[in-house]
PDB file of N, CA and C in Angstrom:
ATOM      1  N   MET A   1       0.838  -1.174   0.000  1.00  0.00           N
ATOM      2  CA  MET A   1       0.000   0.000   0.000  1.00  0.00           C
ATOM      3  C   MET A   1       0.885   1.241   0.000  1.00  0.00           C
ATOM      4  N   SER A   2       0.474   2.243  -0.740  1.00  0.00           N
ATOM      5  CA  SER A   2       1.235   3.486  -0.762  1.00  0.00           C
ATOM      6  C   SER A   2       1.101   4.203   0.576  1.00  0.00           C
ATOM      7  N   ASP A   3       2.031   5.081   0.844  1.00  0.00           N
ATOM      8  CA  ASP A   3       2.040   5.868   2.061  1.00  0.00           C
ATOM      9  C   ASP A   3       0.806   6.780   2.058  1.00  0.00           C
ATOM     10  N   PRO A   4       0.015   6.800   3.168  1.00  0.00           N
ATOM     11  CA  PRO A   4      -1.160   7.673   3.207  1.00  0.00           C
ATOM     12  C   PRO A   4      -0.844   9.147   2.936  1.00  0.00           C
ATOM     13  N   SER A   5       0.340   9.607   3.318  1.00  0.00           N
ATOM     14  CA  SER A   5       0.682  11.002   3.040  1.00  0.00           C
ATOM     15  C   SER A   5       0.866  11.236   1.538  1.00  0.00           C
ATOM     16  N   ASP A   6       1.348  10.224   0.806  1.00  0.00           N
ATOM     17  CA  ASP A   6       1.447  10.334  -0.653  1.00  0.00           C
ATOM     18  C   ASP A   6       0.060  10.406  -1.275  1.00  0.00           C
ATOM     19  N   LEU A   7      -0.856   9.592  -0.761  1.00  0.00           N
ATOM     20  CA  LEU A   7      -2.225   9.597  -1.267  1.00  0.00           C
ATOM     21  C   LEU A   7      -2.901  10.931  -0.966  1.00  0.00           C
ATOM     22  N   ASP A   8      -2.679  11.458   0.216  1.00  0.00           N
ATOM     23  CA  ASP A   8      -3.240  12.764   0.581  1.00  0.00           C
ATOM     24  C   ASP A   8      -2.653  13.861  -0.304  1.00  0.00           C
ATOM     25  N   ALA A   9      -1.362  13.796  -0.574  1.00  0.00           N
ATOM     26  CA  ALA A   9      -0.724  14.788  -1.456  1.00  0.00           C
ATOM     27  C   ALA A   9      -1.289  14.695  -2.867  1.00  0.00           C
ATOM     28  N   TRP A  10      -1.508  13.467  -3.370  1.00  0.00           N
ATOM     29  CA  TRP A  10      -2.118  13.303  -4.694  1.00  0.00           C
ATOM     30  C   TRP A  10      -3.504  13.931  -4.726  1.00  0.00           C
ATOM     31  N   LEU A  11      -4.287  13.661  -3.688  1.00  0.00           N
ATOM     32  CA  LEU A  11      -5.649  14.191  -3.632  1.00  0.00           C
ATOM     33  C   LEU A  11      -5.642  15.723  -3.610  1.00  0.00           C
ATOM     34  N   ARG A  12      -4.776  16.305  -2.794  1.00  0.00           N
ATOM     35  CA  ARG A  12      -4.698  17.773  -2.703  1.00  0.00           C
ATOM     36  C   ARG A  12      -4.146  18.402  -3.984  1.00  0.00           C
ATOM     37  N   ALA A  13      -3.421  17.624  -4.780  1.00  0.00           N
ATOM     38  CA  ALA A  13      -2.867  18.141  -6.043  1.00  0.00           C
ATOM     39  C   ALA A  13      -3.820  17.924  -7.222  1.00  0.00           C
ATOM     40  N   THR A  14      -4.968  17.327  -6.974  1.00  0.00           N
ATOM     41  CA  THR A  14      -5.965  17.084  -8.013  1.00  0.00           C
ATOM     42  C   THR A  14      -6.922  18.271  -8.036  1.00  0.00           C
ATOM     43  N   PRO A  15      -6.854  19.109  -9.068  1.00  0.00           N
ATOM     44  CA  PRO A  15      -7.648  20.346  -9.075  1.00  0.00           C
ATOM     45  C   PRO A  15      -9.151  20.142  -8.866  1.00  0.00           C
ATOM     46  N   TYR A  16      -9.733  19.133  -9.498  1.00  0.00           N
ATOM     47  CA  TYR A  16     -11.174  18.939  -9.372  1.00  0.00           C
ATOM     48  C   TYR A  16     -11.554  18.523  -7.953  1.00  0.00           C
ATOM     49  N   ALA A  17     -10.804  17.595  -7.364  1.00  0.00           N
ATOM     50  CA  ALA A  17     -11.074  17.166  -5.993  1.00  0.00           C
ATOM     51  C   ALA A  17     -10.924  18.338  -5.029  1.00  0.00           C
ATOM     52  N   THR A  18      -9.930  19.167  -5.275  1.00  0.00           N
ATOM     53  CA  THR A  18      -9.707  20.345  -4.433  1.00  0.00           C
ATOM     54  C   THR A  18     -10.864  21.332  -4.571  1.00  0.00           C
ATOM     55  N   ALA A  19     -11.328  21.549  -5.795  1.00  0.00           N
ATOM     56  CA  ALA A  19     -12.443  22.477  -6.023  1.00  0.00           C
ATOM     57  C   ALA A  19     -13.714  21.996  -5.324  1.00  0.00           C
ATOM     58  N   LEU A  20     -13.934  20.678  -5.325  1.00  0.00           N
ATOM     59  CA  LEU A  20     -15.104  20.131  -4.641  1.00  0.00           C
ATOM     60  C   LEU A  20     -14.965  20.193  -3.128  1.00  0.00           C
ATOM     61  N   GLY A  21     -13.724  20.138  -2.637  1.00  0.00           N
ATOM     62  CA  GLY A  21     -13.472  20.121  -1.193  1.00  0.00           C
ATOM     63  C   GLY A  21     -13.280  18.722  -0.639  1.00  0.00           C
ATOM     64  N   VAL A  22     -12.956  17.758  -1.493  1.00  0.00           N
ATOM     65  CA  VAL A  22     -12.767  16.363  -1.076  1.00  0.00           C
ATOM     66  C   VAL A  22     -11.532  16.256  -0.182  1.00  0.00           C
ATOM     67  N   ALA A  23     -11.671  15.507   0.909  1.00  0.00           N
ATOM     68  CA  ALA A  23     -10.553  15.304   1.841  1.00  0.00           C
ATOM     69  C   ALA A  23     -10.426  13.825   2.175  1.00  0.00           C
ATOM     70  N   LEU A  24      -9.212  13.380   2.411  1.00  0.00           N
ATOM     71  CA  LEU A  24      -8.929  12.000   2.799  1.00  0.00           C
ATOM     72  C   LEU A  24      -9.252  11.840   4.282  1.00  0.00           C
ATOM     73  N   ALA A  25     -10.104  10.874   4.620  1.00  0.00           N
ATOM     74  CA  ALA A  25     -10.478  10.632   6.011  1.00  0.00           C
ATOM     75  C   ALA A  25      -9.774   9.413   6.596  1.00  0.00           C
ATOM     76  N   GLU A  26      -9.679   8.332   5.811  1.00  0.00           N
ATOM     77  CA  GLU A  26      -9.055   7.085   6.276  1.00  0.00           C
ATOM     78  C   GLU A  26      -8.378   6.371   5.120  1.00  0.00           C
ATOM     79  N   VAL A  27      -7.316   5.657   5.430  1.00  0.00           N
ATOM     80  CA  VAL A  27      -6.686   4.760   4.469  1.00  0.00           C
ATOM     81  C   VAL A  27      -6.415   3.454   5.199  1.00  0.00           C
ATOM     82  N   GLY A  28      -6.945   2.359   4.649  1.00  0.00           N
ATOM     83  CA  GLY A  28      -6.716   1.043   5.226  1.00  0.00           C
ATOM     84  C   GLY A  28      -6.073   0.140   4.207  1.00  0.00           C
ATOM     85  N   PRO A  29      -5.837  -1.123   4.567  1.00  0.00           N
ATOM     86  CA  PRO A  29      -5.172  -2.033   3.638  1.00  0.00           C
ATOM     87  C   PRO A  29      -5.987  -2.327   2.384  1.00  0.00           C
ATOM     88  N   ASP A  30      -7.309  -2.190   2.452  1.00  0.00           N
ATOM     89  CA  ASP A  30      -8.125  -2.482   1.276  1.00  0.00           C
ATOM     90  C   ASP A  30      -9.223  -1.449   1.044  1.00  0.00           C
ATOM     91  N   ARG A  31      -9.124  -0.281   1.679  1.00  0.00           N
ATOM     92  CA  ARG A  31     -10.153   0.738   1.470  1.00  0.00           C
ATOM     93  C   ARG A  31      -9.641   2.136   1.752  1.00  0.00           C
ATOM     94  N   VAL A  32     -10.351   3.078   1.164  1.00  0.00           N
ATOM     95  CA  VAL A  32     -10.086   4.500   1.368  1.00  0.00           C
ATOM     96  C   VAL A  32     -11.431   5.155   1.672  1.00  0.00           C
ATOM     97  N   VAL A  33     -11.446   6.063   2.636  1.00  0.00           N
ATOM     98  CA  VAL A  33     -12.656   6.818   2.960  1.00  0.00           C
ATOM     99  C   VAL A  33     -12.377   8.286   2.681  1.00  0.00           C
ATOM    100  N   LEU A  34     -13.254   8.890   1.887  1.00  0.00           N
ATOM    101  CA  LEU A  34     -13.151  10.306   1.560  1.00  0.00           C
ATOM    102  C   LEU A  34     -14.316  11.055   2.188  1.00  0.00           C
ATOM    103  N   GLU A  35     -14.095  12.328   2.484  1.00  0.00           N
ATOM    104  CA  GLU A  35     -15.139  13.196   3.007  1.00  0.00           C
ATOM    105  C   GLU A  35     -15.353  14.365   2.054  1.00  0.00           C
ATOM    106  N   LEU A  36     -16.597  14.769   1.943  1.00  0.00           N
ATOM    107  CA  LEU A  36     -16.957  15.946   1.163  1.00  0.00           C
ATOM    108  C   LEU A  36     -17.816  16.823   2.066  1.00  0.00           C
ATOM    109  N   PRO A  37     -17.208  17.858   2.681  1.00  0.00           N
ATOM    110  CA  PRO A  37     -17.991  18.747   3.544  1.00  0.00           C
ATOM    111  C   PRO A  37     -19.046  19.499   2.733  1.00  0.00           C
ATOM    112  N   PHE A  38     -20.115  19.890   3.395  1.00  0.00           N
ATOM    113  CA  PHE A  38     -21.153  20.665   2.711  1.00  0.00           C
ATOM    114  C   PHE A  38     -20.594  22.017   2.274  1.00  0.00           C
ATOM    115  N   GLN A  39     -20.877  22.363   1.026  1.00  0.00           N
ATOM    116  CA  GLN A  39     -20.545  23.679   0.476  1.00  0.00           C
ATOM    117  C   GLN A  39     -21.708  24.107  -0.404  1.00  0.00           C
ATOM    118  N   GLU A  40     -22.123  25.353  -0.290  1.00  0.00           N
ATOM    119  CA  GLU A  40     -23.207  25.874  -1.131  1.00  0.00           C
ATOM    120  C   GLU A  40     -22.896  25.661  -2.611  1.00  0.00           C
ATOM    121  N   ALA A  41     -21.624  25.794  -2.993  1.00  0.00           N
ATOM    122  CA  ALA A  41     -21.233  25.659  -4.398  1.00  0.00           C
ATOM    123  C   ALA A  41     -21.497  24.256  -4.941  1.00  0.00           C
ATOM    124  N   ASN A  42     -21.595  23.252  -4.069  1.00  0.00           N
ATOM    125  CA  ASN A  42     -21.833  21.869  -4.486  1.00  0.00           C
ATOM    126  C   ASN A  42     -23.298  21.465  -4.343  1.00  0.00           C
ATOM    127  N   ALA A  43     -24.170  22.423  -4.040  1.00  0.00           N
ATOM    128  CA  ALA A  43     -25.558  22.093  -3.733  1.00  0.00           C
ATOM    129  C   ALA A  43     -26.534  22.653  -4.767  1.00  0.00           C
ATOM    130  N   ASN A  44     -27.639  21.943  -4.915  1.00  0.00           N
ATOM    131  CA  ASN A  44     -28.770  22.426  -5.693  1.00  0.00           C
ATOM    132  C   ASN A  44     -29.592  23.362  -4.803  1.00  0.00           C
ATOM    133  N   PRO A  45     -30.560  24.069  -5.371  1.00  0.00           N
ATOM    134  CA  PRO A  45     -31.465  24.854  -4.526  1.00  0.00           C
ATOM    135  C   PRO A  45     -32.102  23.952  -3.461  1.00  0.00           C
ATOM    136  N   GLY A  46     -32.179  24.434  -2.260  1.00  0.00           N
ATOM    137  CA  GLY A  46     -32.704  23.629  -1.157  1.00  0.00           C
ATOM    138  C   GLY A  46     -31.609  22.922  -0.383  1.00  0.00           C
ATOM    139  N   GLY A  47     -30.356  23.073  -0.817  1.00  0.00           N
ATOM    140  CA  GLY A  47     -29.229  22.510  -0.078  1.00  0.00           C
ATOM    141  C   GLY A  47     -28.907  21.064  -0.371  1.00  0.00           C
ATOM    142  N   ALA A  48     -29.536  20.450  -1.373  1.00  0.00           N
ATOM    143  CA  ALA A  48     -29.253  19.043  -1.704  1.00  0.00           C
ATOM    144  C   ALA A  48     -27.937  18.952  -2.474  1.00  0.00           C
ATOM    145  N   LEU A  49     -27.101  18.004  -2.083  1.00  0.00           N
ATOM    146  CA  LEU A  49     -25.847  17.780  -2.785  1.00  0.00           C
ATOM    147  C   LEU A  49     -26.136  17.494  -4.253  1.00  0.00           C
ATOM    148  N   HIS A  50     -25.460  18.177  -5.147  1.00  0.00           N
ATOM    149  CA  HIS A  50     -25.634  17.967  -6.594  1.00  0.00           C
ATOM    150  C   HIS A  50     -25.212  16.547  -6.934  1.00  0.00           C
ATOM    151  N   GLY A  51     -25.998  15.879  -7.762  1.00  0.00           N
ATOM    152  CA  GLY A  51     -25.714  14.491  -8.127  1.00  0.00           C
ATOM    153  C   GLY A  51     -24.361  14.307  -8.778  1.00  0.00           C
ATOM    154  N   GLY A  52     -23.924  15.289  -9.549  1.00  0.00           N
ATOM    155  CA  GLY A  52     -22.608  15.207 -10.175  1.00  0.00           C
ATOM    156  C   GLY A  52     -21.490  15.213  -9.151  1.00  0.00           C
ATOM    157  N   CYS A  53     -21.681  15.943  -8.064  1.00  0.00           N
ATOM    158  CA  CYS A  53     -20.676  15.958  -6.988  1.00  0.00           C
ATOM    159  C   CYS A  53     -20.622  14.604  -6.298  1.00  0.00           C
ATOM    160  N   ALA A  54     -21.795  14.004  -6.066  1.00  0.00           N
ATOM    161  CA  ALA A  54     -21.835  12.673  -5.449  1.00  0.00           C
ATOM    162  C   ALA A  54     -21.158  11.644  -6.355  1.00  0.00           C
ATOM    163  N   ALA A  55     -21.447  11.689  -7.650  1.00  0.00           N
ATOM    164  CA  ALA A  55     -20.820  10.758  -8.593  1.00  0.00           C
ATOM    165  C   ALA A  55     -19.312  10.998  -8.672  1.00  0.00           C
ATOM    166  N   SER A  56     -18.920  12.248  -8.631  1.00  0.00           N
ATOM    167  CA  SER A  56     -17.486  12.568  -8.656  1.00  0.00           C
ATOM    168  C   SER A  56     -16.783  12.038  -7.425  1.00  0.00           C
ATOM    169  N   LEU A  57     -17.427  12.125  -6.265  1.00  0.00           N
ATOM    170  CA  LEU A  57     -16.842  11.592  -5.041  1.00  0.00           C
ATOM    171  C   LEU A  57     -16.621  10.086  -5.180  1.00  0.00           C
ATOM    172  N   ALA A  58     -17.578   9.384  -5.797  1.00  0.00           N
ATOM    173  CA  ALA A  58     -17.416   7.945  -6.024  1.00  0.00           C
ATOM    174  C   ALA A  58     -16.246   7.663  -6.969  1.00  0.00           C
ATOM    175  N   SER A  59     -16.156   8.425  -8.034  1.00  0.00           N
ATOM    176  CA  SER A  59     -15.071   8.231  -9.007  1.00  0.00           C
ATOM    177  C   SER A  59     -13.707   8.525  -8.397  1.00  0.00           C
ATOM    178  N   ILE A  60     -13.609   9.617  -7.662  1.00  0.00           N
ATOM    179  CA  ILE A  60     -12.346   9.975  -7.010  1.00  0.00           C
ATOM    180  C   ILE A  60     -11.993   8.916  -5.967  1.00  0.00           C
ATOM    181  N   GLY A  61     -12.995   8.406  -5.256  1.00  0.00           N
ATOM    182  CA  GLY A  61     -12.755   7.346  -4.273  1.00  0.00           C
ATOM    183  C   GLY A  61     -12.226   6.077  -4.911  1.00  0.00           C
ATOM    184  N   ALA A  62     -12.778   5.712  -6.070  1.00  0.00           N
ATOM    185  CA  ALA A  62     -12.294   4.525  -6.780  1.00  0.00           C
ATOM    186  C   ALA A  62     -10.838   4.691  -7.184  1.00  0.00           C
ATOM    187  N   GLN A  63     -10.506   5.856  -7.687  1.00  0.00           N
ATOM    188  CA  GLN A  63      -9.119   6.084  -8.097  1.00  0.00           C
ATOM    189  C   GLN A  63      -8.197   6.094  -6.872  1.00  0.00           C
ATOM    190  N   ALA A  64      -8.647   6.707  -5.786  1.00  0.00           N
ATOM    191  CA  ALA A  64      -7.827   6.740  -4.570  1.00  0.00           C
ATOM    192  C   ALA A  64      -7.588   5.339  -4.017  1.00  0.00           C
ATOM    193  N   ALA A  65      -8.635   4.495  -4.015  1.00  0.00           N
ATOM    194  CA  ALA A  65      -8.473   3.118  -3.525  1.00  0.00           C
ATOM    195  C   ALA A  65      -7.505   2.345  -4.405  1.00  0.00           C
ATOM    196  N   GLY A  66      -7.601   2.517  -5.699  1.00  0.00           N
ATOM    197  CA  GLY A  66      -6.664   1.859  -6.611  1.00  0.00           C
ATOM    198  C   GLY A  66      -5.246   2.321  -6.383  1.00  0.00           C
ATOM    199  N   ARG A  67      -5.078   3.621  -6.199  1.00  0.00           N
ATOM    200  CA  ARG A  67      -3.741   4.161  -5.944  1.00  0.00           C
ATOM    201  C   ARG A  67      -3.180   3.657  -4.614  1.00  0.00           C
ATOM    202  N   ALA A  68      -4.037   3.522  -3.616  1.00  0.00           N
ATOM    203  CA  ALA A  68      -3.580   3.064  -2.295  1.00  0.00           C
ATOM    204  C   ALA A  68      -3.029   1.653  -2.358  1.00  0.00           C
ATOM    205  N   VAL A  69      -3.626   0.807  -3.189  1.00  0.00           N
ATOM    206  CA  VAL A  69      -3.213  -0.595  -3.268  1.00  0.00           C
ATOM    207  C   VAL A  69      -2.151  -0.821  -4.335  1.00  0.00           C
ATOM    208  N   LEU A  70      -2.351  -0.241  -5.511  1.00  0.00           N
ATOM    209  CA  LEU A  70      -1.456  -0.521  -6.635  1.00  0.00           C
ATOM    210  C   LEU A  70      -0.251   0.397  -6.697  1.00  0.00           C
ATOM    211  N   ASP A  71      -0.345   1.563  -6.066  1.00  0.00           N
ATOM    212  CA  ASP A  71       0.760   2.519  -6.013  1.00  0.00           C
ATOM    213  C   ASP A  71       1.343   2.801  -7.402  1.00  0.00           C
ATOM    214  N   PRO A  72       0.502   3.262  -8.350  1.00  0.00           N
ATOM    215  CA  PRO A  72       0.994   3.490  -9.717  1.00  0.00           C
ATOM    216  C   PRO A  72       1.876   4.732  -9.809  1.00  0.00           C
ATOM    217  N   PRO A  73       2.815   4.727 -10.703  1.00  0.00           N
ATOM    218  CA  PRO A  73       3.633   5.927 -10.894  1.00  0.00           C
ATOM    219  C   PRO A  73       2.859   6.990 -11.662  1.00  0.00           C
ATOM    220  N   GLY A  74       3.086   8.245 -11.336  1.00  0.00           N
ATOM    221  CA  GLY A  74       2.476   9.349 -12.076  1.00  0.00           C
ATOM    222  C   GLY A  74       0.971   9.274 -12.110  1.00  0.00           C
ATOM    223  N   ASP A  75       0.391   9.519 -13.269  1.00  0.00           N
ATOM    224  CA  ASP A  75      -1.061   9.514 -13.437  1.00  0.00           C
ATOM    225  C   ASP A  75      -1.520   8.317 -14.250  1.00  0.00           C
ATOM    226  N   ALA A  76      -0.939   7.155 -14.010  1.00  0.00           N
ATOM    227  CA  ALA A  76      -1.205   5.977 -14.824  1.00  0.00           C
ATOM    228  C   ALA A  76      -2.504   5.261 -14.471  1.00  0.00           C
ATOM    229  N   LEU A  77      -3.281   5.765 -13.530  1.00  0.00           N
ATOM    230  CA  LEU A  77      -4.487   5.082 -13.079  1.00  0.00           C
ATOM    231  C   LEU A  77      -5.675   6.026 -13.170  1.00  0.00           C
ATOM    232  N   PHE A  78      -6.801   5.522 -13.655  1.00  0.00           N
ATOM    233  CA  PHE A  78      -8.006   6.342 -13.727  1.00  0.00           C
ATOM    234  C   PHE A  78      -9.227   5.447 -13.578  1.00  0.00           C
ATOM    235  N   CYS A  79     -10.358   6.061 -13.317  1.00  0.00           N
ATOM    236  CA  CYS A  79     -11.623   5.343 -13.187  1.00  0.00           C
ATOM    237  C   CYS A  79     -12.283   5.309 -14.558  1.00  0.00           C
ATOM    238  N   ALA A  80     -12.556   4.123 -15.071  1.00  0.00           N
ATOM    239  CA  ALA A  80     -13.094   3.982 -16.423  1.00  0.00           C
ATOM    240  C   ALA A  80     -14.612   4.109 -16.490  1.00  0.00           C
ATOM    241  N   GLY A  81     -15.297   3.936 -15.370  1.00  0.00           N
ATOM    242  CA  GLY A  81     -16.749   4.042 -15.399  1.00  0.00           C
ATOM    243  C   GLY A  81     -17.333   4.078 -14.008  1.00  0.00           C
ATOM    244  N   VAL A  82     -18.472   4.741 -13.895  1.00  0.00           N
ATOM    245  CA  VAL A  82     -19.165   4.857 -12.615  1.00  0.00           C
ATOM    246  C   VAL A  82     -20.660   4.730 -12.871  1.00  0.00           C
ATOM    247  N   HIS A  83     -21.336   3.980 -12.042  1.00  0.00           N
ATOM    248  CA  HIS A  83     -22.803   3.919 -12.065  1.00  0.00           C
ATOM    249  C   HIS A  83     -23.276   4.292 -10.669  1.00  0.00           C
ATOM    250  N   VAL A  84     -24.146   5.277 -10.578  1.00  0.00           N
ATOM    251  CA  VAL A  84     -24.622   5.753  -9.288  1.00  0.00           C
ATOM    252  C   VAL A  84     -26.136   5.602  -9.223  1.00  0.00           C
ATOM    253  N   SER A  85     -26.627   5.014  -8.138  1.00  0.00           N
ATOM    254  CA  SER A  85     -28.060   4.962  -7.845  1.00  0.00           C
ATOM    255  C   SER A  85     -28.302   5.864  -6.645  1.00  0.00           C
ATOM    256  N   TYR A  86     -29.079   6.885  -6.837  1.00  0.00           N
ATOM    257  CA  TYR A  86     -29.336   7.859  -5.771  1.00  0.00           C
ATOM    258  C   TYR A  86     -30.503   7.371  -4.922  1.00  0.00           C
ATOM    259  N   LEU A  87     -30.229   7.076  -3.656  1.00  0.00           N
ATOM    260  CA  LEU A  87     -31.249   6.544  -2.756  1.00  0.00           C
ATOM    261  C   LEU A  87     -31.896   7.627  -1.907  1.00  0.00           C
ATOM    262  N   SER A  88     -31.135   8.634  -1.543  1.00  0.00           N
ATOM    263  CA  SER A  88     -31.663   9.770  -0.796  1.00  0.00           C
ATOM    264  C   SER A  88     -30.680  10.923  -0.941  1.00  0.00           C
ATOM    265  N   ALA A  89     -31.164  12.104  -0.631  1.00  0.00           N
ATOM    266  CA  ALA A  89     -30.345  13.304  -0.795  1.00  0.00           C
ATOM    267  C   ALA A  89     -29.622  13.662   0.500  1.00  0.00           C
ATOM    268  N   ALA A  90     -28.415  14.184   0.356  1.00  0.00           N
ATOM    269  CA  ALA A  90     -27.702  14.785   1.488  1.00  0.00           C
ATOM    270  C   ALA A  90     -28.111  16.259   1.484  1.00  0.00           C
ATOM    271  N   ILE A  91     -28.870  16.671   2.474  1.00  0.00           N
ATOM    272  CA  ILE A  91     -29.387  18.034   2.538  1.00  0.00           C
ATOM    273  C   ILE A  91     -28.568  18.848   3.526  1.00  0.00           C
ATOM    274  N   SER A  92     -27.851  19.829   3.017  1.00  0.00           N
ATOM    275  CA  SER A  92     -27.060  20.758   3.847  1.00  0.00           C
ATOM    276  C   SER A  92     -26.162  20.033   4.838  1.00  0.00           C
ATOM    277  N   GLU A  93     -25.568  18.933   4.399  1.00  0.00           N
ATOM    278  CA  GLU A  93     -24.662  18.173   5.255  1.00  0.00           C
ATOM    279  C   GLU A  93     -23.533  17.584   4.418  1.00  0.00           C
ATOM    280  N   GLY A  94     -22.433  17.312   5.074  1.00  0.00           N
ATOM    281  CA  GLY A  94     -21.319  16.670   4.401  1.00  0.00           C
ATOM    282  C   GLY A  94     -21.645  15.211   4.136  1.00  0.00           C
ATOM    283  N   THR A  95     -20.814  14.590   3.327  1.00  0.00           N
ATOM    284  CA  THR A  95     -21.014  13.171   3.020  1.00  0.00           C
ATOM    285  C   THR A  95     -19.666  12.459   2.977  1.00  0.00           C
ATOM    286  N   ARG A  96     -19.701  11.154   3.083  1.00  0.00           N
ATOM    287  CA  ARG A  96     -18.491  10.328   3.045  1.00  0.00           C
ATOM    288  C   ARG A  96     -18.652   9.250   1.993  1.00  0.00           C
ATOM    289  N   ALA A  97     -17.546   8.832   1.432  1.00  0.00           N
ATOM    290  CA  ALA A  97     -17.542   7.730   0.473  1.00  0.00           C
ATOM    291  C   ALA A  97     -16.454   6.753   0.879  1.00  0.00           C
ATOM    292  N   SER A  98     -16.798   5.479   0.892  1.00  0.00           N
ATOM    293  CA  SER A  98     -15.840   4.428   1.199  1.00  0.00           C
ATOM    294  C   SER A  98     -15.627   3.613  -0.075  1.00  0.00           C
ATOM    295  N   ALA A  99     -14.386   3.545  -0.517  1.00  0.00           N
ATOM    296  CA  ALA A  99     -14.046   2.792  -1.726  1.00  0.00           C
ATOM    297  C   ALA A  99     -13.157   1.626  -1.328  1.00  0.00           C
ATOM    298  N   ARG A 100     -13.518   0.450  -1.797  1.00  0.00           N
ATOM    299  CA  ARG A 100     -12.763  -0.765  -1.461  1.00  0.00           C
ATOM    300  C   ARG A 100     -12.139  -1.368  -2.704  1.00  0.00           C
ATOM    301  N   THR A 101     -11.026  -2.036  -2.497  1.00  0.00           N
ATOM    302  CA  THR A 101     -10.407  -2.812  -3.560  1.00  0.00           C
ATOM    303  C   THR A 101     -10.701  -4.282  -3.276  1.00  0.00           C
ATOM    304  N   PRO A 102     -10.767  -5.122  -4.285  1.00  0.00           N
ATOM    305  CA  PRO A 102     -10.981  -6.545  -4.040  1.00  0.00           C
ATOM    306  C   PRO A 102      -9.924  -7.095  -3.098  1.00  0.00           C
ATOM    307  N   SER A 103     -10.331  -7.911  -2.144  1.00  0.00           N
ATOM    308  CA  SER A 103      -9.414  -8.404  -1.124  1.00  0.00           C
ATOM    309  C   SER A 103      -8.250  -9.189  -1.717  1.00  0.00           C
ATOM    310  N   GLU A 104      -8.477  -9.866  -2.840  1.00  0.00           N
ATOM    311  CA  GLU A 104      -7.370 -10.632  -3.437  1.00  0.00           C
ATOM    312  C   GLU A 104      -6.281  -9.716  -3.999  1.00  0.00           C
ATOM    313  N   ILE A 105      -6.671  -8.519  -4.458  1.00  0.00           N
ATOM    314  CA  ILE A 105      -5.676  -7.564  -4.921  1.00  0.00           C
ATOM    315  C   ILE A 105      -4.921  -6.976  -3.745  1.00  0.00           C
ATOM    316  N   ALA A 106      -5.657  -6.597  -2.706  1.00  0.00           N
ATOM    317  CA  ALA A 106      -5.027  -6.040  -1.512  1.00  0.00           C
ATOM    318  C   ALA A 106      -4.087  -7.057  -0.866  1.00  0.00           C
ATOM    319  N   ALA A 107      -4.494  -8.312  -0.812  1.00  0.00           N
ATOM    320  CA  ALA A 107      -3.679  -9.358  -0.193  1.00  0.00           C
ATOM    321  C   ALA A 107      -2.413  -9.645  -0.977  1.00  0.00           C
ATOM    322  N   ALA A 108      -2.463  -9.466  -2.283  1.00  0.00           N
ATOM    323  CA  ALA A 108      -1.296  -9.732  -3.124  1.00  0.00           C
ATOM    324  C   ALA A 108      -0.217  -8.677  -2.958  1.00  0.00           C
ATOM    325  N   ARG A 109      -0.564  -7.535  -2.431  1.00  0.00           N
ATOM    326  CA  ARG A 109       0.411  -6.452  -2.250  1.00  0.00           C
ATOM    327  C   ARG A 109       1.081  -6.664  -0.956  1.00  0.00           C
TER     328      ARG A 109
END
């Protein structure tokens, strides 16, 4: 697994994640947890988190989890696809995303 400080530095150096306000909350052997504090700029009228921000948090989380386990050099890793099912809205509150890597990949590292 890559050093959590390297992962945090990558996240802070990612302009889109920085603009959204995404922060690294946890790094484990097979998962990464990201936080997205509430910001008016990320909300629809009524304070609901914009769906694109929620989907972006999932995509950034997938890339962060991959980077934590695979430790790729440079920008050699990206998320190829995301499917999001919206079950309820985050209204005027922050949200968290937990991204996991398959245990067999984590165990091989």
